[in-house]
């Protein structure tokens, strides 16, 4: 019966199921002894597992996002910062209160395309298409379009009472926060590792986690 429940959770991909919060599985992954687990075989991935100490499913999605070739060598500071934020969340600074809602699970870092679109929409009330196009314009460094979408973003922020209230809680002028947010988007959208689709990452992480779970419980 227990194995049937495990298989059911796996088939339904319900990441809220207790199967995806299994201590033994995370202990195995944290150890880096993952030679036989697809997606976790290479040395860089094992290193990231070991220093990040994933203890929730979202941590594995983060690792999948930042695990690009050479990340340890040419962007070690980035890895160090996100690990530090994980273990010391009190040091995380959010430019505007609304960012915490969207970035808390990634320890203050903008990692996913979905995050950038959701933040732009909530702060400026832009429709999904405009928020997505703003993200694309920044990623492609299209200066003409960047100027156009910054203007839309700026106007949207100034007409959003909840955004203005948030600025007041941190004692900052709205224009100052708008500029800081746009720089934040430009810095993170056009960066390494590039923003990825969380929905796509989850599918690959699910496959690896399933093998890890079965391995940890000696079902394989």
C-alpha atoms as a PDB file:
ATOM      1  CA  UNK A   1       0.000   0.000   0.000  1.00  0.00           C
ATOM      2  CA  UNK A   2       2.843   2.410   0.876  1.00  0.00           C
ATOM      3  CA  UNK A   3       4.567   1.783  -2.465  1.00  0.00           C
ATOM      4  CA  UNK A   4       1.263   2.387  -4.262  1.00  0.00           C
ATOM      5  CA  UNK A   5       0.931   5.792  -2.541  1.00  0.00           C
ATOM      6  CA  UNK A   6       4.494   6.659  -3.548  1.00  0.00           C
ATOM      7  CA  UNK A   7       3.838   5.719  -7.163  1.00  0.00           C
ATOM      8  CA  UNK A   8       0.545   7.680  -7.122  1.00  0.00           C
ATOM      9  CA  UNK A   9       2.286  10.831  -5.819  1.00  0.00           C
ATOM     10  CA  UNK A  10       5.036  10.444  -8.405  1.00  0.00           C
ATOM     11  CA  UNK A  11       2.565   9.994 -11.255  1.00  0.00           C
ATOM     12  CA  UNK A  12       0.520  13.002 -10.169  1.00  0.00           C
ATOM     13  CA  UNK A  13       3.666  15.094  -9.629  1.00  0.00           C
ATOM     14  CA  UNK A  14       2.154  16.586  -6.482  1.00  0.00           C
ATOM     15  CA  UNK A  15       5.196  18.266  -4.919  1.00  0.00           C
ATOM     16  CA  UNK A  16       3.161  18.996  -1.776  1.00  0.00           C
ATOM     17  CA  UNK A  17       2.924  15.277  -1.086  1.00  0.00           C
ATOM     18  CA  UNK A  18       5.024  14.058   1.891  1.00  0.00           C
ATOM     19  CA  UNK A  19       6.993  11.927  -0.575  1.00  0.00           C
ATOM     20  CA  UNK A  20       8.639  15.144  -1.787  1.00  0.00           C
ATOM     21  CA  UNK A  21       9.609  16.179   1.745  1.00  0.00           C
ATOM     22  CA  UNK A  22      11.426  12.963   2.578  1.00  0.00           C
ATOM     23  CA  UNK A  23      14.334  13.408   5.012  1.00  0.00           C
ATOM     24  CA  UNK A  24      16.226  10.310   3.831  1.00  0.00           C
ATOM     25  CA  UNK A  25      16.119  11.471   0.221  1.00  0.00           C
ATOM     26  CA  UNK A  26      17.435  14.924   1.086  1.00  0.00           C
ATOM     27  CA  UNK A  27      20.122  13.367   3.296  1.00  0.00           C
ATOM     28  CA  UNK A  28      21.305  11.317   0.319  1.00  0.00           C
ATOM     29  CA  UNK A  29      21.314  14.352  -1.973  1.00  0.00           C
ATOM     30  CA  UNK A  30      23.149  16.527   0.578  1.00  0.00           C
ATOM     31  CA  UNK A  31      25.885  13.915   0.834  1.00  0.00           C
ATOM     32  CA  UNK A  32      26.713  14.279  -2.850  1.00  0.00           C
ATOM     33  CA  UNK A  33      26.833  10.497  -3.212  1.00  0.00           C
ATOM     34  CA  UNK A  34      24.704  10.649  -6.312  1.00  0.00           C
ATOM     35  CA  UNK A  35      26.740   8.877  -8.994  1.00  0.00           C
ATOM     36  CA  UNK A  36      23.776   6.717 -10.016  1.00  0.00           C
ATOM     37  CA  UNK A  37      21.123   9.418  -9.947  1.00  0.00           C
ATOM     38  CA  UNK A  38      20.483  11.020 -13.363  1.00  0.00           C
ATOM     39  CA  UNK A  39      20.959  14.773 -13.240  1.00  0.00           C
ATOM     40  CA  UNK A  40      23.195  14.615 -10.177  1.00  0.00           C
ATOM     41  CA  UNK A  41      26.196  12.652 -11.457  1.00  0.00           C
ATOM     42  CA  UNK A  42      28.715  15.362 -12.381  1.00  0.00           C
ATOM     43  CA  UNK A  43      31.186  16.836  -9.918  1.00  0.00           C
ATOM     44  CA  UNK A  44      29.890  20.419 -10.074  1.00  0.00           C
ATOM     45  CA  UNK A  45      26.323  19.288  -9.303  1.00  0.00           C
ATOM     46  CA  UNK A  46      27.541  17.157  -6.404  1.00  0.00           C
ATOM     47  CA  UNK A  47      29.468  20.150  -5.073  1.00  0.00           C
ATOM     48  CA  UNK A  48      26.380  22.352  -5.260  1.00  0.00           C
ATOM     49  CA  UNK A  49      24.316  19.698  -3.472  1.00  0.00           C
ATOM     50  CA  UNK A  50      26.938  19.459  -0.761  1.00  0.00           C
ATOM     51  CA  UNK A  51      27.273  23.188  -0.035  1.00  0.00           C
ATOM     52  CA  UNK A  52      23.616  24.110  -0.599  1.00  0.00           C
ATOM     53  CA  UNK A  53      22.309  21.319   1.624  1.00  0.00           C
ATOM     54  CA  UNK A  54      18.876  21.118  -0.054  1.00  0.00           C
ATOM     55  CA  UNK A  55      16.170  20.333   2.479  1.00  0.00           C
ATOM     56  CA  UNK A  56      13.070  21.319   0.494  1.00  0.00           C
ATOM     57  CA  UNK A  57      12.071  20.560  -3.086  1.00  0.00           C
ATOM     58  CA  UNK A  58      12.440  24.201  -4.146  1.00  0.00           C
ATOM     59  CA  UNK A  59      16.154  24.041  -3.234  1.00  0.00           C
ATOM     60  CA  UNK A  60      16.597  21.368  -5.899  1.00  0.00           C
ATOM     61  CA  UNK A  61      14.899  23.587  -8.472  1.00  0.00           C
ATOM     62  CA  UNK A  62      17.307  26.396  -7.532  1.00  0.00           C
ATOM     63  CA  UNK A  63      20.295  24.084  -7.968  1.00  0.00           C
ATOM     64  CA  UNK A  64      18.990  22.983 -11.376  1.00  0.00           C
ATOM     65  CA  UNK A  65      18.705  26.650 -12.358  1.00  0.00           C
ATOM     66  CA  UNK A  66      22.188  27.759 -11.293  1.00  0.00           C
ATOM     67  CA  UNK A  67      23.989  24.559 -12.318  1.00  0.00           C
ATOM     68  CA  UNK A  68      25.410  25.847 -15.594  1.00  0.00           C
ATOM     69  CA  UNK A  69      28.858  24.837 -16.896  1.00  0.00           C
ATOM     70  CA  UNK A  70      31.648  26.649 -15.062  1.00  0.00           C
ATOM     71  CA  UNK A  71      29.423  28.456 -12.542  1.00  0.00           C
ATOM     72  CA  UNK A  72      31.762  27.499  -9.688  1.00  0.00           C
ATOM     73  CA  UNK A  73      34.798  28.865 -11.521  1.00  0.00           C
ATOM     74  CA  UNK A  74      33.613  32.135 -13.037  1.00  0.00           C
ATOM     75  CA  UNK A  75      30.758  33.067 -10.702  1.00  0.00           C
ATOM     76  CA  UNK A  76      31.777  31.605  -7.371  1.00  0.00           C
ATOM     77  CA  UNK A  77      30.614  34.756  -5.566  1.00  0.00           C
ATOM     78  CA  UNK A  78      27.097  34.242  -6.920  1.00  0.00           C
ATOM     79  CA  UNK A  79      27.001  30.696  -5.555  1.00  0.00           C
ATOM     80  CA  UNK A  80      28.430  31.873  -2.246  1.00  0.00           C
ATOM     81  CA  UNK A  81      25.870  34.666  -1.927  1.00  0.00           C
ATOM     82  CA  UNK A  82      22.855  32.461  -2.537  1.00  0.00           C
ATOM     83  CA  UNK A  83      24.157  29.823  -0.110  1.00  0.00           C
ATOM     84  CA  UNK A  84      24.769  32.540   2.475  1.00  0.00           C
ATOM     85  CA  UNK A  85      21.237  33.875   2.010  1.00  0.00           C
ATOM     86  CA  UNK A  86      19.786  30.402   2.467  1.00  0.00           C
ATOM     87  CA  UNK A  87      21.418  29.967   5.857  1.00  0.00           C
ATOM     88  CA  UNK A  88      21.164  33.621   6.924  1.00  0.00           C
ATOM     89  CA  UNK A  89      17.821  34.926   5.574  1.00  0.00           C
ATOM     90  CA  UNK A  90      17.985  37.868   7.972  1.00  0.00           C
ATOM     91  CA  UNK A  91      20.611  39.521   5.730  1.00  0.00           C
ATOM     92  CA  UNK A  92      18.407  39.529   2.628  1.00  0.00           C
ATOM     93  CA  UNK A  93      17.467  43.012   1.452  1.00  0.00           C
ATOM     94  CA  UNK A  94      14.377  43.584  -0.685  1.00  0.00           C
ATOM     95  CA  UNK A  95      14.164  46.793  -2.728  1.00  0.00           C
ATOM     96  CA  UNK A  96      10.383  46.895  -2.244  1.00  0.00           C
ATOM     97  CA  UNK A  97       8.215  44.874   0.176  1.00  0.00           C
ATOM     98  CA  UNK A  98       6.389  43.097  -2.658  1.00  0.00           C
ATOM     99  CA  UNK A  99       9.637  41.383  -3.742  1.00  0.00           C
ATOM    100  CA  UNK A 100       9.762  39.268  -0.612  1.00  0.00           C
ATOM    101  CA  UNK A 101       6.563  37.493  -1.634  1.00  0.00           C
ATOM    102  CA  UNK A 102       8.107  36.453  -4.960  1.00  0.00           C
ATOM    103  CA  UNK A 103      11.767  35.958  -3.999  1.00  0.00           C
ATOM    104  CA  UNK A 104      11.626  34.439  -0.504  1.00  0.00           C
ATOM    105  CA  UNK A 105      11.692  30.868  -1.820  1.00  0.00           C
ATOM    106  CA  UNK A 106      14.827  31.675  -3.863  1.00  0.00           C
ATOM    107  CA  UNK A 107      16.524  33.487  -0.977  1.00  0.00           C
ATOM    108  CA  UNK A 108      16.249  36.964  -2.462  1.00  0.00           C
ATOM    109  CA  UNK A 109      17.505  36.024  -5.937  1.00  0.00           C
ATOM    110  CA  UNK A 110      15.620  36.466  -9.201  1.00  0.00           C
ATOM    111  CA  UNK A 111      16.097  33.123 -10.944  1.00  0.00           C
ATOM    112  CA  UNK A 112      12.983  32.306 -12.956  1.00  0.00           C
ATOM    113  CA  UNK A 113      11.186  33.949 -15.853  1.00  0.00           C
ATOM    114  CA  UNK A 114       7.901  33.485 -14.009  1.00  0.00           C
ATOM    115  CA  UNK A 115       9.229  35.507 -11.057  1.00  0.00           C
ATOM    116  CA  UNK A 116      10.254  38.471 -13.207  1.00  0.00           C
ATOM    117  CA  UNK A 117       6.895  38.597 -14.975  1.00  0.00           C
ATOM    118  CA  UNK A 118       4.907  38.257 -11.740  1.00  0.00           C
ATOM    119  CA  UNK A 119       6.897  41.026 -10.022  1.00  0.00           C
ATOM    120  CA  UNK A 120       6.582  43.427 -12.966  1.00  0.00           C
ATOM    121  CA  UNK A 121       2.853  42.753 -13.148  1.00  0.00           C
ATOM    122  CA  UNK A 122       2.169  43.195  -9.442  1.00  0.00           C
ATOM    123  CA  UNK A 123       4.257  46.343  -9.070  1.00  0.00           C
ATOM    124  CA  UNK A 124       3.124  48.150 -12.218  1.00  0.00           C
ATOM    125  CA  UNK A 125      -0.208  46.473 -13.051  1.00  0.00           C
ATOM    126  CA  UNK A 126       1.000  45.699 -16.568  1.00  0.00           C
ATOM    127  CA  UNK A 127      -0.834  42.947 -18.409  1.00  0.00           C
ATOM    128  CA  UNK A 128       1.002  39.630 -18.814  1.00  0.00           C
ATOM    129  CA  UNK A 129       1.944  40.287 -22.451  1.00  0.00           C
ATOM    130  CA  UNK A 130       3.584  43.635 -21.630  1.00  0.00           C
ATOM    131  CA  UNK A 131       5.423  42.213 -18.604  1.00  0.00           C
ATOM    132  CA  UNK A 132       6.711  39.327 -20.721  1.00  0.00           C
ATOM    133  CA  UNK A 133       7.766  41.668 -23.529  1.00  0.00           C
ATOM    134  CA  UNK A 134       9.563  43.895 -21.023  1.00  0.00           C
ATOM    135  CA  UNK A 135      11.528  40.868 -19.826  1.00  0.00           C
ATOM    136  CA  UNK A 136      12.386  39.886 -23.396  1.00  0.00           C
ATOM    137  CA  UNK A 137      13.466  43.425 -24.316  1.00  0.00           C
ATOM    138  CA  UNK A 138      15.868  43.536 -21.357  1.00  0.00           C
ATOM    139  CA  UNK A 139      17.221  40.082 -22.186  1.00  0.00           C
ATOM    140  CA  UNK A 140      17.849  41.048 -25.814  1.00  0.00           C
ATOM    141  CA  UNK A 141      19.293  44.468 -24.837  1.00  0.00           C
ATOM    142  CA  UNK A 142      16.898  46.153 -27.245  1.00  0.00           C
ATOM    143  CA  UNK A 143      17.390  49.744 -26.121  1.00  0.00           C
ATOM    144  CA  UNK A 144      14.423  51.149 -28.013  1.00  0.00           C
ATOM    145  CA  UNK A 145      12.050  48.592 -26.535  1.00  0.00           C
ATOM    146  CA  UNK A 146      13.660  48.872 -23.091  1.00  0.00           C
ATOM    147  CA  UNK A 147      12.936  52.601 -23.115  1.00  0.00           C
ATOM    148  CA  UNK A 148       9.342  51.958 -24.199  1.00  0.00           C
ATOM    149  CA  UNK A 149       8.666  49.335 -21.522  1.00  0.00           C
ATOM    150  CA  UNK A 150      10.448  51.288 -18.801  1.00  0.00           C
ATOM    151  CA  UNK A 151       8.079  54.163 -19.536  1.00  0.00           C
ATOM    152  CA  UNK A 152       5.080  51.805 -19.272  1.00  0.00           C
ATOM    153  CA  UNK A 153       6.492  50.326 -16.063  1.00  0.00           C
ATOM    154  CA  UNK A 154       7.165  53.764 -14.582  1.00  0.00           C
ATOM    155  CA  UNK A 155       3.646  55.024 -15.317  1.00  0.00           C
ATOM    156  CA  UNK A 156       2.109  51.809 -14.026  1.00  0.00           C
ATOM    157  CA  UNK A 157       4.017  52.019 -10.748  1.00  0.00           C
ATOM    158  CA  UNK A 158       2.970  55.624 -10.167  1.00  0.00           C
ATOM    159  CA  UNK A 159      -0.687  54.684 -10.652  1.00  0.00           C
ATOM    160  CA  UNK A 160      -0.481  51.689  -8.309  1.00  0.00           C
ATOM    161  CA  UNK A 161      -1.511  52.687  -4.782  1.00  0.00           C
ATOM    162  CA  UNK A 162      -0.128  49.491  -3.208  1.00  0.00           C
ATOM    163  CA  UNK A 163       3.282  50.152  -4.795  1.00  0.00           C
ATOM    164  CA  UNK A 164       3.261  53.719  -3.461  1.00  0.00           C
ATOM    165  CA  UNK A 165       2.259  52.470   0.021  1.00  0.00           C
ATOM    166  CA  UNK A 166       5.153  49.996  -0.053  1.00  0.00           C
ATOM    167  CA  UNK A 167       7.589  52.811  -0.870  1.00  0.00           C
ATOM    168  CA  UNK A 168       6.327  54.740   2.127  1.00  0.00           C
ATOM    169  CA  UNK A 169       6.938  51.797   4.467  1.00  0.00           C
ATOM    170  CA  UNK A 170      10.625  51.799   3.500  1.00  0.00           C
ATOM    171  CA  UNK A 171      10.841  55.615   3.523  1.00  0.00           C
ATOM    172  CA  UNK A 172      11.899  55.956  -0.118  1.00  0.00           C
ATOM    173  CA  UNK A 173      10.701  58.142  -2.961  1.00  0.00           C
ATOM    174  CA  UNK A 174       8.725  56.280  -5.620  1.00  0.00           C
ATOM    175  CA  UNK A 175      10.994  57.351  -8.494  1.00  0.00           C
ATOM    176  CA  UNK A 176      14.058  56.156  -6.602  1.00  0.00           C
ATOM    177  CA  UNK A 177      12.505  52.719  -6.015  1.00  0.00           C
ATOM    178  CA  UNK A 178      11.319  52.460  -9.633  1.00  0.00           C
ATOM    179  CA  UNK A 179      14.861  53.108 -10.899  1.00  0.00           C
ATOM    180  CA  UNK A 180      16.343  50.623  -8.406  1.00  0.00           C
ATOM    181  CA  UNK A 181      13.837  47.976  -9.487  1.00  0.00           C
ATOM    182  CA  UNK A 182      14.565  48.485 -13.167  1.00  0.00           C
ATOM    183  CA  UNK A 183      18.313  48.209 -12.552  1.00  0.00           C
ATOM    184  CA  UNK A 184      17.563  45.048 -10.555  1.00  0.00           C
ATOM    185  CA  UNK A 185      15.671  43.622 -13.544  1.00  0.00           C
ATOM    186  CA  UNK A 186      18.403  44.584 -16.012  1.00  0.00           C
ATOM    187  CA  UNK A 187      21.138  43.128 -13.797  1.00  0.00           C
ATOM    188  CA  UNK A 188      19.356  39.831 -13.209  1.00  0.00           C
ATOM    189  CA  UNK A 189      17.533  39.194 -16.479  1.00  0.00           C
ATOM    190  CA  UNK A 190      20.655  39.754 -18.573  1.00  0.00           C
ATOM    191  CA  UNK A 191      23.030  37.670 -16.471  1.00  0.00           C
ATOM    192  CA  UNK A 192      24.606  34.288 -15.901  1.00  0.00           C
ATOM    193  CA  UNK A 193      22.899  32.071 -15.018  1.00  0.00           C
ATOM    194  CA  UNK A 194      20.135  33.371 -17.267  1.00  0.00           C
ATOM    195  CA  UNK A 195      16.546  33.287 -16.059  1.00  0.00           C
ATOM    196  CA  UNK A 196      14.937  29.947 -16.756  1.00  0.00           C
ATOM    197  CA  UNK A 197      11.381  28.678 -16.805  1.00  0.00           C
ATOM    198  CA  UNK A 198      10.641  27.173 -13.400  1.00  0.00           C
ATOM    199  CA  UNK A 199       7.918  25.001 -14.918  1.00  0.00           C
ATOM    200  CA  UNK A 200      10.484  23.335 -17.199  1.00  0.00           C
ATOM    201  CA  UNK A 201      13.070  22.926 -14.432  1.00  0.00           C
ATOM    202  CA  UNK A 202      10.528  21.231 -12.170  1.00  0.00           C
ATOM    203  CA  UNK A 203       9.989  18.433 -14.665  1.00  0.00           C
ATOM    204  CA  UNK A 204      13.700  17.540 -14.790  1.00  0.00           C
ATOM    205  CA  UNK A 205      14.050  17.845 -11.003  1.00  0.00           C
ATOM    206  CA  UNK A 206      11.038  15.571 -10.495  1.00  0.00           C
ATOM    207  CA  UNK A 207      12.676  12.836 -12.560  1.00  0.00           C
ATOM    208  CA  UNK A 208      15.906  13.055 -10.580  1.00  0.00           C
ATOM    209  CA  UNK A 209      14.145  13.286  -7.225  1.00  0.00           C
ATOM    210  CA  UNK A 210      12.105  10.151  -7.946  1.00  0.00           C
ATOM    211  CA  UNK A 211      15.274   8.140  -8.604  1.00  0.00           C
ATOM    212  CA  UNK A 212      16.883   9.640  -5.481  1.00  0.00           C
ATOM    213  CA  UNK A 213      13.860   8.677  -3.357  1.00  0.00           C
ATOM    214  CA  UNK A 214      13.782   5.136  -4.668  1.00  0.00           C
ATOM    215  CA  UNK A 215      17.551   4.856  -4.132  1.00  0.00           C
ATOM    216  CA  UNK A 216      17.413   6.255  -0.588  1.00  0.00           C
ATOM    217  CA  UNK A 217      14.694   3.779   0.361  1.00  0.00           C
ATOM    218  CA  UNK A 218      16.378   0.894  -1.461  1.00  0.00           C
ATOM    219  CA  UNK A 219      13.321   0.347  -3.654  1.00  0.00           C
ATOM    220  CA  UNK A 220      15.473   0.294  -6.788  1.00  0.00           C
END
